[in-house]
Protein backbone atom coordinates (compact mmCIF):
# COMPACT_ATOMS: atom_id res chain seq x y z
CA MET A 1 -1.08 128.76 153.81
CA SER A 2 1.90 126.66 152.89
CA VAL A 3 2.87 126.04 149.30
CA ASP A 4 4.00 122.60 148.25
CA THR A 5 7.18 123.21 146.27
CA GLN A 6 7.95 119.54 145.68
CA GLN A 7 8.54 118.87 141.99
CA ALA A 8 6.65 116.20 140.14
CA PRO A 9 8.69 112.98 139.91
CA ARG A 10 10.55 112.49 136.68
CA PRO A 11 9.39 109.59 134.53
CA ARG A 12 11.57 106.56 135.03
CA ALA A 13 13.87 105.38 132.27
CA GLY A 14 11.90 103.35 129.80
CA ARG A 15 8.68 105.31 130.21
CA THR A 16 9.26 107.37 127.05
CA VAL A 17 10.40 106.36 123.55
CA ALA A 18 13.72 108.14 124.05
CA GLY A 19 14.07 106.58 127.49
CA ARG A 20 13.46 103.10 126.14
CA ARG A 21 16.07 103.61 123.45
CA ARG A 22 18.61 104.83 125.98
CA LEU A 23 17.94 101.90 128.28
CA ARG A 24 18.13 99.42 125.45
CA GLY A 25 21.44 100.97 124.40
CA ALA A 26 22.76 100.81 127.97
CA LEU A 27 21.90 97.10 128.17
CA THR A 28 23.59 96.44 124.83
CA ARG A 29 26.77 98.24 125.88
CA ALA A 30 26.82 96.42 129.20
CA ALA A 31 26.37 93.05 127.51
CA ILE A 32 29.09 93.65 124.93
CA ASP A 33 31.59 94.92 127.50
CA LEU A 34 30.93 91.99 129.84
CA PHE A 35 31.13 89.42 127.03
CA LEU A 36 34.50 90.85 125.96
CA GLU A 37 35.79 91.11 129.51
CA ARG A 38 34.51 87.90 131.10
CA GLY A 39 33.55 85.76 128.15
CA TYR A 40 30.16 85.06 126.63
CA ASP A 41 29.51 81.74 128.39
CA THR A 42 30.33 82.99 131.89
CA THR A 43 28.25 86.19 131.69
CA THR A 44 24.65 85.95 132.89
CA VAL A 45 21.56 88.03 132.32
CA ASP A 46 21.76 89.14 135.95
CA ASP A 47 25.32 90.38 135.36
CA ILE A 48 24.17 92.44 132.37
CA ALA A 49 21.17 93.90 134.17
CA ALA A 50 23.26 94.84 137.20
CA ALA A 51 25.91 96.52 135.03
CA ALA A 52 23.17 98.60 133.37
CA GLY A 53 21.65 99.48 136.74
CA VAL A 54 18.33 97.68 136.24
CA GLY A 55 16.72 94.46 137.37
CA ARG A 56 16.38 91.10 135.63
CA ARG A 57 12.70 91.74 134.83
CA THR A 58 13.58 94.98 133.06
CA PHE A 59 16.18 93.18 130.96
CA PHE A 60 13.55 90.74 129.65
CA ARG A 61 11.28 93.60 128.63
CA TYR A 62 13.84 94.43 125.97
CA PHE A 63 15.53 91.15 125.09
CA ARG A 64 14.53 87.48 124.99
CA SER A 65 18.00 86.24 125.87
CA LYS A 66 21.51 87.45 126.56
CA GLU A 67 22.57 86.83 122.97
CA ASP A 68 19.79 89.13 121.74
CA ALA A 69 21.22 91.95 123.84
CA ILE A 70 24.13 92.71 121.53
CA PHE A 71 22.18 92.99 118.29
CA PRO A 72 20.25 95.91 116.82
CA ASN A 73 16.48 95.93 117.10
CA HIS A 74 15.94 94.16 113.79
CA ASP A 75 12.16 94.13 114.30
CA GLU A 76 12.08 97.94 114.26
CA LEU A 77 14.49 98.13 111.34
CA LEU A 78 12.38 95.69 109.34
CA VAL A 79 9.28 97.78 109.98
CA ASP A 80 11.13 100.89 108.79
CA ILE A 81 12.34 99.11 105.66
CA GLU A 82 8.89 97.73 104.83
CA ARG A 83 7.44 101.22 105.26
CA ARG A 84 10.12 102.67 102.98
CA LEU A 85 9.37 100.08 100.31
CA ALA A 86 5.60 100.52 100.60
CA ASP A 87 5.91 104.30 100.21
CA SER A 88 8.29 104.13 97.26
CA ASP A 89 7.50 105.44 93.79
CA ASP A 90 6.24 102.63 91.55
CA GLU A 91 7.89 104.34 88.59
CA ARG A 92 11.31 104.00 90.17
CA ASP A 93 13.67 101.12 89.48
CA PRO A 94 12.67 98.52 92.12
CA VAL A 95 16.23 97.27 92.62
CA GLU A 96 17.40 100.83 93.26
CA THR A 97 14.56 101.23 95.77
CA VAL A 98 15.70 98.14 97.69
CA CYS A 99 19.32 99.33 97.63
CA ASP A 100 18.23 102.61 99.21
CA ALA A 101 16.09 100.81 101.80
CA VAL A 102 18.94 98.58 103.01
CA ARG A 103 20.96 101.71 103.76
CA LEU A 104 18.77 102.08 106.85
CA VAL A 105 20.55 99.04 108.28
CA LEU A 106 23.98 100.30 107.25
CA ASP A 107 23.32 103.71 108.79
CA PHE A 108 22.24 102.06 112.04
CA TYR A 109 25.64 100.38 112.38
CA LEU A 110 27.51 103.54 111.38
CA ARG A 111 25.74 105.69 113.98
CA ASP A 112 27.51 103.97 116.87
CA PRO A 113 30.94 102.82 115.65
CA GLU A 114 32.22 101.80 119.08
CA VAL A 115 29.37 99.36 119.71
CA SER A 116 29.44 98.07 116.13
CA LEU A 117 33.17 97.35 116.22
CA LYS A 118 32.93 95.58 119.58
CA ARG A 119 29.96 93.55 118.32
CA TYR A 120 32.02 92.51 115.29
CA ALA A 121 34.83 91.32 117.57
CA LEU A 122 32.35 89.16 119.45
CA THR A 123 30.64 87.63 116.44
CA ARG A 124 34.01 86.60 115.02
CA THR A 125 34.74 84.45 118.07
CA VAL A 126 31.34 83.28 119.37
CA THR A 127 29.68 80.86 116.94
CA SER A 128 26.14 81.21 118.32
CA LEU A 129 26.28 84.98 117.91
CA ARG A 130 27.58 84.68 114.37
CA ASP A 131 24.76 82.26 113.50
CA LYS A 132 22.18 84.64 114.90
CA GLU A 133 23.59 87.47 112.82
CA VAL A 134 23.33 85.35 109.67
CA ALA A 135 19.69 84.54 110.51
CA SER A 136 18.88 88.24 110.81
CA VAL A 137 20.23 88.87 107.31
CA ASP A 138 17.85 86.22 105.96
CA ARG A 139 14.86 88.14 107.37
CA TYR A 140 15.81 91.25 105.40
CA GLN A 141 16.38 89.21 102.28
CA ARG A 142 12.88 87.72 102.45
CA VAL A 143 11.36 91.22 102.68
CA PHE A 144 13.37 92.34 99.64
CA THR A 145 12.33 89.24 97.70
CA ARG A 146 8.61 89.82 98.31
CA TYR A 147 8.85 93.42 97.20
CA LEU A 148 10.89 92.68 94.07
CA ARG A 149 8.70 89.75 93.08
CA ALA A 150 5.60 91.93 93.21
CA ARG A 151 7.25 94.71 91.22
CA PHE A 152 8.71 92.37 88.60
CA GLN A 153 5.39 90.58 88.20
CA ALA A 154 3.55 93.89 87.85
CA ALA A 155 5.94 94.80 85.04
CA GLY A 156 5.12 91.53 83.26
CA ASP A 157 8.52 89.94 83.78
CA PRO A 158 8.12 86.20 83.00
CA LEU A 159 11.18 85.44 85.15
CA ALA A 160 9.98 87.40 88.19
CA GLU A 161 9.79 84.31 90.40
CA MET A 162 13.44 83.52 89.76
CA ARG A 163 14.89 87.01 89.43
CA ALA A 164 13.41 88.39 92.66
CA PRO A 165 15.30 86.17 95.16
CA ILE A 166 18.51 86.44 93.12
CA ALA A 167 18.36 90.25 93.08
CA ALA A 168 17.41 90.35 96.78
CA ALA A 169 20.39 88.16 97.64
CA ALA A 170 22.66 90.44 95.61
CA VAL A 171 21.46 93.51 97.54
CA ALA A 172 22.02 91.76 100.87
CA ALA A 173 25.47 90.58 99.77
CA ALA A 174 26.46 94.08 98.66
CA HIS A 175 25.36 95.54 101.99
CA ASN A 176 27.23 92.86 103.94
CA HIS A 177 30.37 93.41 101.88
CA VAL A 178 30.34 97.15 102.60
CA LEU A 179 29.67 96.61 106.31
CA ARG A 180 32.45 94.02 106.62
CA GLN A 181 34.94 96.29 104.88
CA TRP A 182 34.04 99.11 107.25
CA LEU A 183 34.33 96.86 110.30
CA ARG A 184 37.62 95.30 109.20
CA GLY A 185 38.97 98.79 108.63
CA ASP A 186 38.07 99.78 112.23
CA GLY A 187 35.51 102.27 110.96
CA ALA A 188 38.01 104.22 108.86
CA VAL A 189 36.58 103.15 105.48
CA ASP A 190 34.20 105.55 103.73
CA ALA A 191 31.22 103.20 103.93
CA HIS A 192 28.82 105.48 102.05
CA ALA A 193 31.16 105.84 99.06
CA LEU A 194 31.77 102.09 99.03
CA ALA A 195 28.01 101.47 99.25
CA ASP A 196 27.45 103.71 96.22
CA GLN A 197 29.82 101.53 94.21
CA ALA A 198 28.46 98.23 95.51
CA PHE A 199 24.82 99.10 94.89
CA ALA A 200 25.60 100.52 91.46
CA THR A 201 27.06 97.12 90.59
CA VAL A 202 23.90 95.39 91.81
CA ARG A 203 21.65 97.71 89.82
CA LEU A 204 23.72 97.19 86.68
CA ALA A 205 23.33 93.41 86.95
CA HIS A 206 19.76 93.07 88.22
CA SER A 207 17.67 96.11 87.33
CA PRO A 208 14.98 95.74 84.65
CA ALA A 209 16.09 96.17 81.02
CA THR A 210 19.59 94.92 81.68
CA PRO A 211 21.36 93.15 78.82
CA GLY A 212 19.77 89.80 78.10
CA GLU A 213 16.23 90.97 78.89
CA PRO A 214 13.54 91.84 76.31
CA GLY A 215 13.94 95.41 75.10
CA ASP A 216 17.75 95.39 75.34
CA ARG A 217 19.09 92.34 73.51
CA THR A 218 21.88 91.61 71.08
CA VAL A 219 20.63 90.13 67.83
CA VAL A 220 22.89 88.37 65.34
CA ALA A 221 21.47 88.24 61.80
CA VAL A 222 22.94 86.13 58.99
CA LEU A 223 22.10 87.58 55.57
CA ARG A 224 23.32 87.39 51.98
CA THR A 225 25.47 90.33 50.98
CA SER A 226 23.18 90.77 48.00
CA ALA A 227 20.02 90.98 50.16
CA PRO A 228 18.07 94.15 49.44
CA ALA A 229 17.75 96.74 52.21
CA PRO A 230 14.00 96.14 52.79
CA GLU A 231 14.66 92.43 53.41
CA VAL A 232 17.46 93.25 55.87
CA ALA A 233 15.20 95.64 57.77
CA GLU A 234 12.34 93.12 57.83
CA ARG A 235 14.54 90.27 59.14
CA ILE A 236 16.06 92.40 61.91
CA THR A 237 12.65 93.77 62.93
CA LYS A 238 11.23 90.27 63.26
CA ALA A 239 14.24 89.11 65.28
CA LEU A 240 13.91 92.01 67.70
CA ALA A 241 10.19 91.35 68.14
CA ARG A 242 10.63 87.64 68.86
CA ASN A 243 10.22 86.53 72.50
CA PRO A 244 13.67 85.20 73.53
CA HIS A 245 12.02 82.60 75.79
CA ASP A 246 10.39 80.98 72.72
CA ASP A 247 13.86 80.02 71.50
CA ALA A 248 14.54 78.06 74.67
CA ARG A 249 11.42 75.94 74.38
């Protein structure tokens, strides 16, 4: 009786999660290298697929167009960020929570410096790629705004509708500043240390109970020098209890 010693065929690339990530990465690297070598306009989808060792149909399983091929999978990153925000502690400062969540994007770029630096070189010279990158930032900002608005409203902040998009924009701007500094420094900048400073600045300006908000205000009282102590205490107590928004009406 003969024994069949033939091994079971290995699953093709793209059949597993790890395989799909590797193939996506191979397509991204091929696209970036070809764009830099031949130029963006003269490189086709077929060129990219061939360089990665796959067919045209496989390329379109991962990307809608050739310009999509050089960018991170923002859909997956957005899902991860939304999950991080949803699972966050409601007792924690919401702005700090968003600052931590956006680090997922920063870490994605830092994990593969070579690809990130080449991508940066492309987006500086190809307008359509730069525009697409700007559009992706707007998607993150909308997610941050929704989360902050809900948290500010739950805390009874009367300015939640206005403060949420402003704080979200500040978080996105801080992240972009850190990433740009790292890219311009050819990956030599300590991005995590710079992010700590940038996000601390955002929290100082936009977290609840910052100066100018109820609960932490400066009150100027004008009193006679002969006013008795009880009157002084009463006037200051009333001033602190007053809603600052009433004064603006």
